[in-house]
Protein backbone atom coordinates (compact mmCIF):
# COMPACT_ATOMS: atom_id res chain seq x y z
CA MET A 1 0.00 0.00 0.00
CA LYS A 2 2.79 2.37 0.94
CA TYR A 3 4.56 1.40 -2.29
CA MET A 4 1.50 2.31 -4.35
CA THR A 5 1.14 5.67 -2.56
CA LYS A 6 4.79 6.53 -3.16
CA THR A 7 4.45 5.66 -6.82
CA LYS A 8 1.41 7.89 -7.23
CA THR A 9 3.14 10.76 -5.49
CA THR A 10 6.19 10.47 -7.75
CA LEU A 11 3.98 10.33 -10.83
CA MET A 12 2.06 13.42 -9.77
CA LEU A 13 5.27 15.33 -9.15
CA MET A 14 6.59 14.41 -12.58
CA LEU A 15 3.36 15.53 -14.23
CA ALA A 16 3.45 18.80 -12.33
CA LEU A 17 7.03 19.48 -13.39
CA ALA A 18 6.18 18.68 -16.99
CA GLY A 19 3.27 21.10 -16.85
CA LEU A 20 5.41 23.86 -15.38
CA SER A 21 8.07 23.29 -18.02
CA ALA A 22 5.51 23.42 -20.81
CA GLY A 23 4.06 26.61 -19.37
CA ALA A 24 7.46 28.21 -19.14
CA MET A 25 8.29 27.25 -22.70
CA THR A 26 5.04 28.63 -24.10
CA GLY A 27 5.64 31.82 -22.16
CA CYS A 28 8.85 32.49 -24.08
CA ARG A 29 6.95 33.37 -27.25
CA GLY A 30 3.65 34.87 -28.14
CA ASP A 31 3.24 37.01 -25.00
CA ARG A 32 0.85 39.90 -25.40
CA GLU A 33 1.97 42.22 -22.65
CA GLU A 34 3.99 45.36 -22.10
CA LYS A 35 6.60 43.69 -19.92
CA PRO A 36 10.02 43.02 -21.47
CA PRO A 37 10.60 39.44 -22.72
CA ARG A 38 12.20 36.90 -20.46
CA GLN A 39 15.96 36.84 -20.77
CA PHE A 40 17.77 33.57 -20.11
CA PHE A 41 21.10 34.90 -21.48
CA PRO A 42 20.96 38.67 -20.97
CA ASP A 43 24.57 39.18 -22.03
CA LEU A 44 23.60 38.39 -25.64
CA ASP A 45 20.66 40.81 -25.60
CA ASP A 46 22.19 43.67 -23.68
CA GLN A 47 25.62 43.80 -25.33
CA PRO A 48 26.61 47.27 -26.55
CA LYS A 49 25.95 47.49 -30.29
CA TRP A 50 24.40 49.65 -32.97
CA LYS A 51 21.60 48.12 -34.96
CA PRO A 52 21.19 48.89 -38.69
CA GLN A 53 18.71 51.65 -39.53
CA ALA A 54 18.64 52.75 -35.88
CA LYS A 55 18.92 56.39 -34.89
CA SER A 56 22.13 57.60 -33.31
CA GLN A 57 22.48 60.41 -30.78
CA PHE A 58 26.24 60.40 -31.18
CA PHE A 59 26.83 61.25 -34.86
CA ALA A 60 25.76 64.57 -36.32
CA ASP A 61 23.83 62.94 -39.19
CA GLY A 62 21.87 60.77 -36.73
CA ARG A 63 22.78 57.48 -38.45
CA THR A 64 24.30 54.43 -36.81
CA MET A 65 25.51 52.98 -40.14
CA ARG A 66 28.66 54.81 -41.09
CA PRO A 67 29.79 55.44 -44.69
CA PRO A 68 33.32 54.36 -45.67
CA VAL A 69 36.12 56.71 -44.85
CA GLU A 70 36.75 59.14 -47.71
CA GLY A 71 39.28 57.65 -50.14
CA ALA A 72 38.76 54.06 -48.99
CA VAL A 73 38.47 51.43 -51.75
CA PRO A 74 37.73 47.68 -51.66
CA PHE A 75 40.85 45.58 -51.38
CA GLY A 76 39.65 42.02 -51.86
CA ARG A 77 36.73 39.80 -52.72
CA ASP A 78 35.34 36.59 -51.37
CA GLY A 79 38.22 34.17 -51.17
CA TRP A 80 40.79 36.85 -50.40
CA ALA A 81 44.11 35.29 -49.39
CA THR A 82 47.20 36.47 -47.57
CA ASN A 83 49.08 36.91 -50.84
CA PRO A 84 46.75 38.96 -53.04
CA THR A 85 49.41 39.62 -55.69
CA ASP A 86 49.72 35.96 -56.67
CA PRO A 87 46.80 34.91 -58.95
CA LYS A 88 47.58 31.25 -58.27
CA VAL A 89 47.00 31.80 -54.56
CA ASN A 90 44.08 34.18 -54.87
CA PRO A 91 42.51 34.33 -58.34
CA MET A 92 39.48 36.22 -56.97
CA VAL A 93 41.38 39.40 -56.20
CA GLY A 94 40.75 41.99 -58.88
CA SER A 95 43.23 44.49 -60.15
CA ARG A 96 43.53 47.92 -58.61
CA ALA A 97 42.17 49.55 -61.77
CA GLU A 98 39.11 47.30 -61.73
CA PHE A 99 38.29 48.26 -58.15
CA LEU A 100 38.95 51.97 -58.53
CA LYS A 101 37.29 52.33 -61.97
CA GLU A 102 38.90 55.72 -62.39
CA ASN A 103 38.59 55.58 -66.20
CA GLU A 104 34.95 56.53 -66.62
CA GLY A 105 34.77 55.62 -70.28
CA GLU A 106 36.20 52.13 -69.82
CA TYR A 107 33.64 51.18 -67.18
CA THR A 108 30.57 53.11 -68.37
CA GLY A 109 31.07 53.46 -72.12
CA MET A 110 30.54 57.20 -71.76
CA THR A 111 32.43 60.42 -71.12
CA GLY A 112 29.97 62.71 -69.45
CA PRO A 113 26.73 62.60 -71.48
CA GLN A 114 28.45 61.35 -74.65
CA TYR A 115 28.95 57.73 -75.74
CA LEU A 116 32.52 56.80 -76.60
CA PRO A 117 33.07 56.64 -80.37
CA THR A 118 35.64 53.82 -80.16
CA ILE A 119 36.69 51.02 -77.80
CA PRO A 120 38.89 52.45 -75.01
CA VAL A 121 40.84 49.23 -74.30
CA LYS A 122 43.52 47.45 -76.29
CA VAL A 123 41.98 45.35 -79.06
CA ASP A 124 43.97 42.25 -79.94
CA ALA A 125 43.30 38.69 -81.07
CA ALA A 126 42.80 37.49 -77.50
CA LEU A 127 40.09 40.09 -76.82
CA ILE A 128 38.29 39.28 -80.08
CA ARG A 129 38.37 35.53 -79.35
CA GLU A 130 36.97 36.16 -75.89
CA GLY A 131 34.29 38.36 -77.43
CA GLN A 132 33.42 35.64 -79.94
CA LYS A 133 32.99 33.10 -77.14
CA ASN A 134 30.65 35.36 -75.17
CA PHE A 135 28.78 36.51 -78.29
CA ASN A 136 28.05 32.89 -79.17
CA ILE A 137 26.86 32.22 -75.60
CA TYR A 138 24.71 35.27 -74.92
CA CYS A 139 23.94 36.99 -78.23
CA SER A 140 23.61 34.33 -80.92
CA ALA A 141 20.34 32.89 -79.61
CA CYS A 142 18.53 36.04 -80.76
CA HIS A 143 20.89 37.82 -83.17
CA GLY A 144 22.27 34.64 -84.79
CA TYR A 145 25.87 33.53 -85.04
CA MET A 146 26.29 35.83 -88.04
CA GLY A 147 24.67 38.79 -86.27
CA ASP A 148 21.89 38.97 -88.87
CA GLY A 149 19.01 38.80 -86.37
CA LYS A 150 18.05 35.25 -87.37
CA GLY A 151 18.86 33.38 -84.18
CA LEU A 152 16.95 30.23 -83.37
CA VAL A 153 15.18 31.88 -80.45
CA GLY A 154 14.77 35.29 -82.04
CA GLN A 155 12.77 33.82 -84.91
CA TYR A 156 9.87 33.18 -82.52
CA PHE A 157 9.75 36.74 -81.16
CA THR A 158 6.95 39.09 -82.11
CA VAL A 159 9.55 41.81 -82.66
CA THR A 160 12.40 40.40 -84.73
CA PRO A 161 15.87 41.09 -83.27
CA VAL A 162 17.79 43.69 -85.23
CA SER A 163 20.44 42.77 -87.74
CA LEU A 164 23.76 44.06 -86.49
CA HIS A 165 24.83 44.51 -90.11
CA ASP A 166 22.31 47.32 -90.54
CA PRO A 167 24.35 50.36 -91.66
CA LYS A 168 23.07 52.44 -88.76
CA TYR A 169 24.93 50.18 -86.29
CA LYS A 170 28.21 50.26 -88.19
CA ALA A 171 31.05 52.69 -87.54
CA GLY A 172 30.16 56.03 -89.08
CA GLY A 173 26.46 55.19 -89.18
CA GLU A 174 23.54 56.72 -87.35
CA GLU A 175 24.25 58.61 -84.10
CA PRO A 176 24.51 57.41 -81.40
CA LEU A 177 23.67 53.84 -82.51
CA SER A 178 26.97 53.43 -84.35
CA ARG A 179 29.19 54.34 -81.40
CA ASP A 180 31.09 51.62 -79.57
CA GLY A 181 30.09 53.16 -76.24
CA TYR A 182 26.40 52.93 -77.13
CA ILE A 183 26.65 49.24 -78.03
CA PHE A 184 28.60 48.68 -74.79
CA THR A 185 25.86 50.27 -72.65
CA VAL A 186 23.10 48.37 -74.46
CA ILE A 187 24.83 45.06 -73.79
CA ARG A 188 25.31 45.91 -70.13
CA ASN A 189 22.00 47.66 -69.38
CA GLY A 190 19.61 46.31 -72.01
CA VAL A 191 17.17 48.23 -74.18
CA ARG A 192 13.46 47.66 -74.85
CA SER A 193 12.95 43.89 -75.19
CA MET A 194 16.67 43.09 -74.91
CA PRO A 195 17.73 42.16 -71.34
CA ALA A 196 20.84 43.42 -69.59
CA TYR A 197 23.93 41.20 -69.35
CA ASN A 198 25.92 43.11 -66.75
CA HIS A 199 25.30 40.20 -64.37
CA ALA A 200 27.12 37.81 -66.71
CA LEU A 201 29.84 39.93 -68.33
CA THR A 202 32.49 42.16 -66.84
CA GLU A 203 33.25 45.50 -68.43
CA HIS A 204 36.32 44.04 -70.13
CA GLU A 205 34.34 41.06 -71.47
CA THR A 206 31.67 43.44 -72.77
CA TRP A 207 34.27 45.38 -74.75
CA GLY A 208 35.38 42.01 -76.14
CA VAL A 209 31.86 41.44 -77.49
CA VAL A 210 31.91 44.90 -79.08
CA ALA A 211 35.30 44.14 -80.66
CA TYR A 212 34.05 40.83 -82.06
CA LEU A 213 30.93 42.52 -83.40
CA ARG A 214 33.09 44.99 -85.31
CA ALA A 215 35.16 42.10 -86.70
CA LEU A 216 31.94 40.31 -87.67
CA GLN A 217 30.69 43.40 -89.50
CA ALA A 218 33.99 43.80 -91.33
CA SER A 219 34.07 40.16 -92.40
CA HIS A 220 30.53 40.47 -93.71
CA GLU A 221 31.72 43.05 -96.22
CA GLY A 222 35.05 41.39 -96.99
CA THR A 223 36.18 40.24 -100.44
CA LEU A 224 39.03 38.09 -101.68
CA ALA A 225 40.95 41.25 -102.46
CA ASP A 226 41.19 41.88 -98.70
CA VAL A 227 43.29 38.71 -98.27
CA LYS A 228 46.88 39.94 -98.49
CA ASP A 229 48.63 36.57 -98.55
CA ALA A 230 48.70 35.39 -102.18
CA ALA A 231 48.86 31.67 -101.34
CA GLU A 232 45.93 31.92 -98.94
CA ARG A 233 43.95 33.94 -101.45
CA THR A 234 44.58 31.30 -104.16
CA ASP A 235 43.52 28.56 -101.77
CA LEU A 236 40.28 30.39 -100.98
CA GLU A 237 39.57 30.95 -104.67
CA THR A 238 40.03 27.23 -105.32
CA LYS A 239 37.68 26.32 -102.49
CA MET A 240 35.07 28.81 -103.65
CA ASN A 241 35.05 27.22 -107.14
CA ILE A 242 34.52 23.66 -105.92
CA PRO A 243 31.44 22.25 -107.72
CA ASP A 244 28.48 21.04 -105.75
CA PRO A 245 28.85 17.50 -104.39
CA VAL A 246 27.36 14.68 -106.45
CA PRO A 247 23.83 13.85 -105.28
CA ALA A 248 23.51 10.67 -103.26
CA GLY A 249 22.93 7.58 -105.34
CA GLU A 250 24.39 9.02 -108.54
CA PRO A 251 27.74 7.69 -109.85
CA ALA A 252 30.62 10.09 -109.34
CA ASP A 253 31.49 10.06 -113.08
CA ALA A 254 27.94 10.40 -114.24
CA SER A 255 27.28 13.26 -116.58
CA PRO A 256 24.01 14.50 -118.01
CA THR A 257 23.01 12.52 -121.08
CA ALA A 258 22.37 14.59 -124.18
CA PRO A 259 18.80 14.34 -125.39
CA ALA A 260 18.32 11.95 -128.32
CA ALA A 261 18.06 13.63 -131.70
CA PRO A 262 14.51 13.58 -133.05
CA THR A 263 13.96 10.92 -135.67
CA THR A 264 12.84 11.92 -139.15
CA PRO A 265 9.47 10.38 -139.92
CA ALA A 266 9.62 7.79 -142.72
CA ALA A 267 8.20 8.71 -146.12
CA PRO A 268 4.75 7.29 -146.71
CA ALA A 269 4.68 4.15 -148.80
CA ALA A 270 3.72 4.52 -152.46
CA ALA A 271 0.10 3.74 -153.23
CA PRO A 272 -0.34 0.37 -154.91
CA THR A 273 -0.96 0.54 -158.67
CA GLY A 274 -3.51 -1.49 -160.52
CA GLY A 275 -2.49 -4.46 -162.76
CA ALA A 276 -2.43 -4.37 -166.59
CA LYS A 277 -5.68 -4.56 -168.16
């Protein structure tokens, strides 16, 4: 009997403790009262700090978030290492010029309100190849690999993508559409139905696309006379004169058969004559 009473008492105490614990836990959240919330670790709540967007009584402008010190520039990116000058150790660190962006034209395509007339960076074969790679990735779907506006995706648009061989987009064409700086800003910021690609291309890569576009336009108007190397020009002439391949199923040495000459109709037979009387 005493054993049973002790067991019941223990059970009741355990239930009471469980109830108190549950009540305490539910009291941590959802309270609708003016009293401050319960603090189990007050050192984490009451530590001295400035919260973003809070008002400050210390600074003259009343802001807790402080702007960078005048003249300060970013030094590294995610992945910054202890040896930022070695690209093998830290390939994510950009050059000083890229961070500072002191050359307005190189990073905006403009000088004041005017678009740059020409590309402000060194144009070489490496830049053009890089531009070709990115053009084929981002531009060819709509404008086509030849830049004629006949990309596989662009053909389904209600508004057909422009042909980049239109004279108004070529150097010396319509202002400001023909300026390299204008094309640069359109690639980076988009225009009308064309999206922006500044999320995918750096400023330098964008100038590469502009350089490749100019090479594409020049090649579109090229002739054999533009090929300076005589041997290469002769080779191209030979290739351009290659006859069409023989249709499948036809012998390689087959040649069209001349039509048969028309036959002369035979003279009508002489009418039979009557016998001697």
